[in-house]
Amino acid sequence: KQTTGDAKILYGLMLDRMGPSIRNGWLDEQNRVFIYFTLEDAVELLGCGKDKAVKLFKELDQDGGIGLIERKKQGQGRPTKI
């Protein structure tokens, strides 16, 4: 699959969050580092609309995308772990 430039930028922004997550010891059940990166973060940092941000997340996702990220919903108004 082809990845858009905007999706690559979004992925780069997510990678920037890895450092603080590592320092905070944020690990999932499989000892993988996770980040919190909300739809609102993407909209603000990329200067795009909500629909486009949703599309970009899907483009990077392992379910239907290119598999660079995996999202785990937490529910109860808590942000999704990536």
PDB file of N, CA and C in Angstrom:
ATOM      1  N   LYS A   1       0.838  -1.199   0.000  1.00  0.00           N
ATOM      2  CA  LYS A   1       0.000   0.000   0.000  1.00  0.00           C
ATOM      3  C   LYS A   1       0.872   1.248   0.000  1.00  0.00           C
ATOM      4  N   GLN A   2       0.367   2.277  -0.618  1.00  0.00           N
ATOM      5  CA  GLN A   2       1.074   3.557  -0.684  1.00  0.00           C
ATOM      6  C   GLN A   2       0.678   4.407   0.523  1.00  0.00           C
ATOM      7  N   THR A   3       1.646   5.071   1.124  1.00  0.00           N
ATOM      8  CA  THR A   3       1.390   5.931   2.267  1.00  0.00           C
ATOM      9  C   THR A   3       1.473   7.387   1.838  1.00  0.00           C
ATOM     10  N   THR A   4       0.519   8.204   2.293  1.00  0.00           N
ATOM     11  CA  THR A   4       0.532   9.621   1.950  1.00  0.00           C
ATOM     12  C   THR A   4       1.575  10.356   2.776  1.00  0.00           C
ATOM     13  N   GLY A   5       1.974  11.503   2.281  1.00  0.00           N
ATOM     14  CA  GLY A   5       2.928  12.337   3.010  1.00  0.00           C
ATOM     15  C   GLY A   5       2.405  12.749   4.370  1.00  0.00           C
ATOM     16  N   ASP A   6       1.109  13.070   4.433  1.00  0.00           N
ATOM     17  CA  ASP A   6       0.521  13.476   5.714  1.00  0.00           C
ATOM     18  C   ASP A   6       0.557  12.340   6.730  1.00  0.00           C
ATOM     19  N   ALA A   7       0.360  11.108   6.279  1.00  0.00           N
ATOM     20  CA  ALA A   7       0.422   9.965   7.191  1.00  0.00           C
ATOM     21  C   ALA A   7       1.847   9.792   7.718  1.00  0.00           C
ATOM     22  N   LYS A   8       2.824  10.033   6.859  1.00  0.00           N
ATOM     23  CA  LYS A   8       4.225   9.947   7.291  1.00  0.00           C
ATOM     24  C   LYS A   8       4.539  11.014   8.329  1.00  0.00           C
ATOM     25  N   ILE A   9       4.011  12.208   8.131  1.00  0.00           N
ATOM     26  CA  ILE A   9       4.211  13.284   9.106  1.00  0.00           C
ATOM     27  C   ILE A   9       3.564  12.913  10.435  1.00  0.00           C
ATOM     28  N   LEU A  10       2.347  12.392  10.384  1.00  0.00           N
ATOM     29  CA  LEU A  10       1.657  11.959  11.602  1.00  0.00           C
ATOM     30  C   LEU A  10       2.478  10.900  12.328  1.00  0.00           C
ATOM     31  N   TYR A  11       3.015   9.940  11.597  1.00  0.00           N
ATOM     32  CA  TYR A  11       3.830   8.888  12.209  1.00  0.00           C
ATOM     33  C   TYR A  11       5.083   9.490  12.858  1.00  0.00           C
ATOM     34  N   GLY A  12       5.701  10.455  12.202  1.00  0.00           N
ATOM     35  CA  GLY A  12       6.861  11.136  12.782  1.00  0.00           C
ATOM     36  C   GLY A  12       6.515  11.849  14.073  1.00  0.00           C
ATOM     37  N   LEU A  13       5.349  12.495  14.100  1.00  0.00           N
ATOM     38  CA  LEU A  13       4.896  13.165  15.326  1.00  0.00           C
ATOM     39  C   LEU A  13       4.679  12.143  16.449  1.00  0.00           C
ATOM     40  N   MET A  14       4.163  10.980  16.096  1.00  0.00           N
ATOM     41  CA  MET A  14       3.963   9.924  17.092  1.00  0.00           C
ATOM     42  C   MET A  14       5.307   9.420  17.616  1.00  0.00           C
ATOM     43  N   LEU A  15       6.274   9.273  16.712  1.00  0.00           N
ATOM     44  CA  LEU A  15       7.596   8.810  17.139  1.00  0.00           C
ATOM     45  C   LEU A  15       8.230   9.785  18.129  1.00  0.00           C
ATOM     46  N   ASP A  16       7.961  11.077  17.972  1.00  0.00           N
ATOM     47  CA  ASP A  16       8.477  12.066  18.916  1.00  0.00           C
ATOM     48  C   ASP A  16       7.955  11.844  20.329  1.00  0.00           C
ATOM     49  N   ARG A  17       6.801  11.231  20.459  1.00  0.00           N
ATOM     50  CA  ARG A  17       6.220  10.955  21.779  1.00  0.00           C
ATOM     51  C   ARG A  17       6.824   9.719  22.451  1.00  0.00           C
ATOM     52  N   MET A  18       7.580   8.948  21.684  1.00  0.00           N
ATOM     53  CA  MET A  18       8.148   7.709  22.240  1.00  0.00           C
ATOM     54  C   MET A  18       9.132   7.988  23.377  1.00  0.00           C
ATOM     55  N   GLY A  19       9.962   9.018  23.227  1.00  0.00           N
ATOM     56  CA  GLY A  19      10.960   9.331  24.259  1.00  0.00           C
ATOM     57  C   GLY A  19      10.338   9.536  25.623  1.00  0.00           C
ATOM     58  N   PRO A  20       9.372  10.451  25.744  1.00  0.00           N
ATOM     59  CA  PRO A  20       8.725  10.637  27.047  1.00  0.00           C
ATOM     60  C   PRO A  20       8.035   9.370  27.564  1.00  0.00           C
ATOM     61  N   SER A  21       7.451   8.585  26.662  1.00  0.00           N
ATOM     62  CA  SER A  21       6.790   7.345  27.087  1.00  0.00           C
ATOM     63  C   SER A  21       7.807   6.371  27.665  1.00  0.00           C
ATOM     64  N   ILE A  22       8.980   6.283  27.032  1.00  0.00           N
ATOM     65  CA  ILE A  22      10.034   5.396  27.541  1.00  0.00           C
ATOM     66  C   ILE A  22      10.483   5.870  28.919  1.00  0.00           C
ATOM     67  N   ARG A  23      10.708   7.180  29.058  1.00  0.00           N
ATOM     68  CA  ARG A  23      11.134   7.728  30.353  1.00  0.00           C
ATOM     69  C   ARG A  23      10.092   7.504  31.441  1.00  0.00           C
ATOM     70  N   ASN A  24       8.806   7.532  31.059  1.00  0.00           N
ATOM     71  CA  ASN A  24       7.729   7.305  32.028  1.00  0.00           C
ATOM     72  C   ASN A  24       7.482   5.824  32.295  1.00  0.00           C
ATOM     73  N   GLY A  25       8.142   4.952  31.536  1.00  0.00           N
ATOM     74  CA  GLY A  25       7.957   3.512  31.732  1.00  0.00           C
ATOM     75  C   GLY A  25       6.609   3.005  31.274  1.00  0.00           C
ATOM     76  N   TRP A  26       6.038   3.635  30.242  1.00  0.00           N
ATOM     77  CA  TRP A  26       4.728   3.231  29.739  1.00  0.00           C
ATOM     78  C   TRP A  26       4.881   2.025  28.828  1.00  0.00           C
ATOM     79  N   LEU A  27       4.665   0.840  29.383  1.00  0.00           N
ATOM     80  CA  LEU A  27       4.778  -0.409  28.638  1.00  0.00           C
ATOM     81  C   LEU A  27       3.458  -1.153  28.689  1.00  0.00           C
ATOM     82  N   ASP A  28       3.113  -1.829  27.584  1.00  0.00           N
ATOM     83  CA  ASP A  28       1.898  -2.639  27.575  1.00  0.00           C
ATOM     84  C   ASP A  28       2.198  -4.033  28.116  1.00  0.00           C
ATOM     85  N   GLU A  29       1.216  -4.917  28.016  1.00  0.00           N
ATOM     86  CA  GLU A  29       1.339  -6.275  28.557  1.00  0.00           C
ATOM     87  C   GLU A  29       2.458  -7.066  27.875  1.00  0.00           C
ATOM     88  N   GLN A  30       2.819  -6.660  26.664  1.00  0.00           N
ATOM     89  CA  GLN A  30       3.861  -7.354  25.904  1.00  0.00           C
ATOM     90  C   GLN A  30       5.197  -6.610  25.960  1.00  0.00           C
ATOM     91  N   ASN A  31       5.332  -5.715  26.954  1.00  0.00           N
ATOM     92  CA  ASN A  31       6.542  -4.914  27.149  1.00  0.00           C
ATOM     93  C   ASN A  31       6.893  -4.025  25.958  1.00  0.00           C
ATOM     94  N   ARG A  32       5.863  -3.572  25.234  1.00  0.00           N
ATOM     95  CA  ARG A  32       6.068  -2.618  24.143  1.00  0.00           C
ATOM     96  C   ARG A  32       5.715  -1.228  24.658  1.00  0.00           C
ATOM     97  N   VAL A  33       6.513  -0.242  24.263  1.00  0.00           N
ATOM     98  CA  VAL A  33       6.239   1.143  24.654  1.00  0.00           C
ATOM     99  C   VAL A  33       4.963   1.601  23.949  1.00  0.00           C
ATOM    100  N   PHE A  34       4.109   2.334  24.686  1.00  0.00           N
ATOM    101  CA  PHE A  34       2.924   2.905  24.046  1.00  0.00           C
ATOM    102  C   PHE A  34       2.906   4.408  24.269  1.00  0.00           C
ATOM    103  N   ILE A  35       2.156   5.095  23.421  1.00  0.00           N
ATOM    104  CA  ILE A  35       1.977   6.543  23.535  1.00  0.00           C
ATOM    105  C   ILE A  35       0.490   6.848  23.581  1.00  0.00           C
ATOM    106  N   TYR A  36       0.202   8.062  24.017  1.00  0.00           N
ATOM    107  CA  TYR A  36      -1.137   8.613  23.874  1.00  0.00           C
ATOM    108  C   TYR A  36      -1.041   9.710  22.827  1.00  0.00           C
ATOM    109  N   PHE A  37      -1.823   9.582  21.770  1.00  0.00           N
ATOM    110  CA  PHE A  37      -1.852  10.588  20.711  1.00  0.00           C
ATOM    111  C   PHE A  37      -3.289  10.646  20.233  1.00  0.00           C
ATOM    112  N   THR A  38      -3.991  11.677  20.651  1.00  0.00           N
ATOM    113  CA  THR A  38      -5.428  11.753  20.379  1.00  0.00           C
ATOM    114  C   THR A  38      -5.713  12.309  18.989  1.00  0.00           C
ATOM    115  N   LEU A  39      -6.934  12.114  18.573  1.00  0.00           N
ATOM    116  CA  LEU A  39      -7.407  12.689  17.320  1.00  0.00           C
ATOM    117  C   LEU A  39      -7.262  14.211  17.367  1.00  0.00           C
ATOM    118  N   GLU A  40      -7.568  14.796  18.521  1.00  0.00           N
ATOM    119  CA  GLU A  40      -7.456  16.244  18.692  1.00  0.00           C
ATOM    120  C   GLU A  40      -6.003  16.701  18.539  1.00  0.00           C
ATOM    121  N   ASP A  41      -5.044  15.890  19.060  1.00  0.00           N
ATOM    122  CA  ASP A  41      -3.621  16.203  18.886  1.00  0.00           C
ATOM    123  C   ASP A  41      -3.285  16.269  17.398  1.00  0.00           C
ATOM    124  N   ALA A  42      -3.744  15.271  16.655  1.00  0.00           N
ATOM    125  CA  ALA A  42      -3.453  15.203  15.219  1.00  0.00           C
ATOM    126  C   ALA A  42      -4.054  16.401  14.484  1.00  0.00           C
ATOM    127  N   VAL A  43      -5.290  16.728  14.791  1.00  0.00           N
ATOM    128  CA  VAL A  43      -5.963  17.857  14.144  1.00  0.00           C
ATOM    129  C   VAL A  43      -5.181  19.147  14.397  1.00  0.00           C
ATOM    130  N   GLU A  44      -4.768  19.338  15.650  1.00  0.00           N
ATOM    131  CA  GLU A  44      -4.055  20.563  16.019  1.00  0.00           C
ATOM    132  C   GLU A  44      -2.663  20.623  15.381  1.00  0.00           C
ATOM    133  N   LEU A  45      -1.910  19.545  15.485  1.00  0.00           N
ATOM    134  CA  LEU A  45      -0.525  19.556  15.009  1.00  0.00           C
ATOM    135  C   LEU A  45      -0.416  19.540  13.480  1.00  0.00           C
ATOM    136  N   LEU A  46      -1.361  18.891  12.820  1.00  0.00           N
ATOM    137  CA  LEU A  46      -1.325  18.826  11.358  1.00  0.00           C
ATOM    138  C   LEU A  46      -2.119  19.956  10.699  1.00  0.00           C
ATOM    139  N   GLY A  47      -2.943  20.640  11.494  1.00  0.00           N
ATOM    140  CA  GLY A  47      -3.766  21.714  10.939  1.00  0.00           C
ATOM    141  C   GLY A  47      -4.777  21.208   9.936  1.00  0.00           C
ATOM    142  N   CYS A  48      -5.364  20.043  10.245  1.00  0.00           N
ATOM    143  CA  CYS A  48      -6.345  19.451   9.327  1.00  0.00           C
ATOM    144  C   CYS A  48      -7.671  19.248  10.046  1.00  0.00           C
ATOM    145  N   GLY A  49      -8.654  18.786   9.308  1.00  0.00           N
ATOM    146  CA  GLY A  49      -9.956  18.500   9.885  1.00  0.00           C
ATOM    147  C   GLY A  49      -9.988  17.127  10.538  1.00  0.00           C
ATOM    148  N   LYS A  50     -11.032  16.915  11.316  1.00  0.00           N
ATOM    149  CA  LYS A  50     -11.187  15.649  12.049  1.00  0.00           C
ATOM    150  C   LYS A  50     -11.287  14.452  11.103  1.00  0.00           C
ATOM    151  N   ASP A  51     -12.044  14.590  10.023  1.00  0.00           N
ATOM    152  CA  ASP A  51     -12.212  13.488   9.070  1.00  0.00           C
ATOM    153  C   ASP A  51     -10.878  13.062   8.462  1.00  0.00           C
ATOM    154  N   LYS A  52     -10.063  14.055   8.105  1.00  0.00           N
ATOM    155  CA  LYS A  52      -8.764  13.738   7.523  1.00  0.00           C
ATOM    156  C   LYS A  52      -7.876  13.046   8.553  1.00  0.00           C
ATOM    157  N   ALA A  53      -7.893  13.505   9.797  1.00  0.00           N
ATOM    158  CA  ALA A  53      -7.080  12.891  10.849  1.00  0.00           C
ATOM    159  C   ALA A  53      -7.485  11.437  11.065  1.00  0.00           C
ATOM    160  N   VAL A  54      -8.788  11.166  11.058  1.00  0.00           N
ATOM    161  CA  VAL A  54      -9.279   9.791  11.199  1.00  0.00           C
ATOM    162  C   VAL A  54      -8.732   8.929  10.062  1.00  0.00           C
ATOM    163  N   LYS A  55      -8.773   9.459   8.847  1.00  0.00           N
ATOM    164  CA  LYS A  55      -8.267   8.738   7.676  1.00  0.00           C
ATOM    165  C   LYS A  55      -6.774   8.435   7.813  1.00  0.00           C
ATOM    166  N   LEU A  56      -6.018   9.392   8.327  1.00  0.00           N
ATOM    167  CA  LEU A  56      -4.576   9.208   8.479  1.00  0.00           C
ATOM    168  C   LEU A  56      -4.255   8.134   9.525  1.00  0.00           C
ATOM    169  N   PHE A  57      -4.987   8.139  10.637  1.00  0.00           N
ATOM    170  CA  PHE A  57      -4.798   7.090  11.646  1.00  0.00           C
ATOM    171  C   PHE A  57      -5.083   5.714  11.030  1.00  0.00           C
ATOM    172  N   LYS A  58      -6.173   5.627  10.258  1.00  0.00           N
ATOM    173  CA  LYS A  58      -6.534   4.353   9.615  1.00  0.00           C
ATOM    174  C   LYS A  58      -5.465   3.902   8.637  1.00  0.00           C
ATOM    175  N   GLU A  59      -4.848   4.863   7.954  1.00  0.00           N
ATOM    176  CA  GLU A  59      -3.816   4.547   6.985  1.00  0.00           C
ATOM    177  C   GLU A  59      -2.588   3.900   7.661  1.00  0.00           C
ATOM    178  N   LEU A  60      -2.314   4.306   8.894  1.00  0.00           N
ATOM    179  CA  LEU A  60      -1.166   3.773   9.628  1.00  0.00           C
ATOM    180  C   LEU A  60      -1.493   2.517  10.433  1.00  0.00           C
ATOM    181  N   ASP A  61      -2.762   2.270  10.672  1.00  0.00           N
ATOM    182  CA  ASP A  61      -3.203   1.204  11.574  1.00  0.00           C
ATOM    183  C   ASP A  61      -2.936  -0.189  11.018  1.00  0.00           C
ATOM    184  N   GLN A  62      -2.796  -1.143  11.927  1.00  0.00           N
ATOM    185  CA  GLN A  62      -2.595  -2.532  11.493  1.00  0.00           C
ATOM    186  C   GLN A  62      -3.878  -3.129  10.945  1.00  0.00           C
ATOM    187  N   ASP A  63      -5.024  -2.631  11.362  1.00  0.00           N
ATOM    188  CA  ASP A  63      -6.305  -3.118  10.844  1.00  0.00           C
ATOM    189  C   ASP A  63      -6.719  -2.276   9.644  1.00  0.00           C
ATOM    190  N   GLY A  64      -6.395  -2.724   8.456  1.00  0.00           N
ATOM    191  CA  GLY A  64      -6.799  -2.040   7.241  1.00  0.00           C
ATOM    192  C   GLY A  64      -5.798  -1.026   6.722  1.00  0.00           C
ATOM    193  N   GLY A  65      -4.737  -0.803   7.457  1.00  0.00           N
ATOM    194  CA  GLY A  65      -3.716   0.154   7.015  1.00  0.00           C
ATOM    195  C   GLY A  65      -2.408  -0.567   6.728  1.00  0.00           C
ATOM    196  N   ILE A  66      -1.299   0.158   6.912  1.00  0.00           N
ATOM    197  CA  ILE A  66       0.004  -0.430   6.595  1.00  0.00           C
ATOM    198  C   ILE A  66       0.678  -1.081   7.797  1.00  0.00           C
ATOM    199  N   GLY A  67       0.054  -1.004   8.958  1.00  0.00           N
ATOM    200  CA  GLY A  67       0.547  -1.765  10.108  1.00  0.00           C
ATOM    201  C   GLY A  67       1.629  -1.113  10.947  1.00  0.00           C
ATOM    202  N   LEU A  68       1.797   0.191  10.842  1.00  0.00           N
ATOM    203  CA  LEU A  68       2.822   0.855  11.652  1.00  0.00           C
ATOM    204  C   LEU A  68       2.380   1.104  13.084  1.00  0.00           C
ATOM    205  N   ILE A  69       1.074   1.197  13.305  1.00  0.00           N
ATOM    206  CA  ILE A  69       0.573   1.415  14.668  1.00  0.00           C
ATOM    207  C   ILE A  69      -0.501   0.388  14.997  1.00  0.00           C
ATOM    208  N   GLU A  70      -0.689   0.190  16.290  1.00  0.00           N
ATOM    209  CA  GLU A  70      -1.776  -0.640  16.796  1.00  0.00           C
ATOM    210  C   GLU A  70      -2.488   0.176  17.859  1.00  0.00           C
ATOM    211  N   ARG A  71      -3.797   0.328  17.704  1.00  0.00           N
ATOM    212  CA  ARG A  71      -4.568   1.142  18.652  1.00  0.00           C
ATOM    213  C   ARG A  71      -5.383   0.240  19.570  1.00  0.00           C
ATOM    214  N   LYS A  72      -5.344   0.568  20.864  1.00  0.00           N
ATOM    215  CA  LYS A  72      -6.121  -0.161  21.872  1.00  0.00           C
ATOM    216  C   LYS A  72      -7.027   0.828  22.590  1.00  0.00           C
ATOM    217  N   LYS A  73      -8.324   0.687  22.369  1.00  0.00           N
ATOM    218  CA  LYS A  73      -9.280   1.561  23.052  1.00  0.00           C
ATOM    219  C   LYS A  73      -9.321   1.191  24.537  1.00  0.00           C
ATOM    220  N   GLN A  74      -9.449   2.215  25.392  1.00  0.00           N
ATOM    221  CA  GLN A  74      -9.511   1.987  26.827  1.00  0.00           C
ATOM    222  C   GLN A  74     -10.910   2.218  27.394  1.00  0.00           C
ATOM    223  N   GLY A  75     -11.731   2.984  26.676  1.00  0.00           N
ATOM    224  CA  GLY A  75     -13.094   3.241  27.122  1.00  0.00           C
ATOM    225  C   GLY A  75     -13.158   4.280  28.222  1.00  0.00           C
ATOM    226  N   GLN A  76     -14.380   4.601  28.643  1.00  0.00           N
ATOM    227  CA  GLN A  76     -14.677   5.528  29.728  1.00  0.00           C
ATOM    228  C   GLN A  76     -13.979   6.879  29.581  1.00  0.00           C
ATOM    229  N   GLY A  77     -13.932   7.397  28.339  1.00  0.00           N
ATOM    230  CA  GLY A  77     -13.371   8.711  28.108  1.00  0.00           C
ATOM    231  C   GLY A  77     -11.862   8.779  28.178  1.00  0.00           C
ATOM    232  N   ARG A  78     -11.188   7.652  28.328  1.00  0.00           N
ATOM    233  CA  ARG A  78      -9.719   7.625  28.396  1.00  0.00           C
ATOM    234  C   ARG A  78      -9.162   7.525  26.989  1.00  0.00           C
ATOM    235  N   PRO A  79      -7.989   8.129  26.755  1.00  0.00           N
ATOM    236  CA  PRO A  79      -7.435   8.121  25.391  1.00  0.00           C
ATOM    237  C   PRO A  79      -6.991   6.730  24.943  1.00  0.00           C
ATOM    238  N   THR A  80      -7.002   6.527  23.643  1.00  0.00           N
ATOM    239  CA  THR A  80      -6.565   5.260  23.052  1.00  0.00           C
ATOM    240  C   THR A  80      -5.063   5.126  23.169  1.00  0.00           C
ATOM    241  N   LYS A  81      -4.604   3.926  23.535  1.00  0.00           N
ATOM    242  CA  LYS A  81      -3.161   3.653  23.561  1.00  0.00           C
ATOM    243  C   LYS A  81      -2.732   3.286  22.157  1.00  0.00           C
ATOM    244  N   ILE A  82      -1.568   3.799  21.764  1.00  0.00           N
ATOM    245  CA  ILE A  82      -1.021   3.462  20.433  1.00  0.00           C
ATOM    246  C   ILE A  82       0.304   2.777  20.641  1.00  0.00           C
TER     247      ILE A  82
END
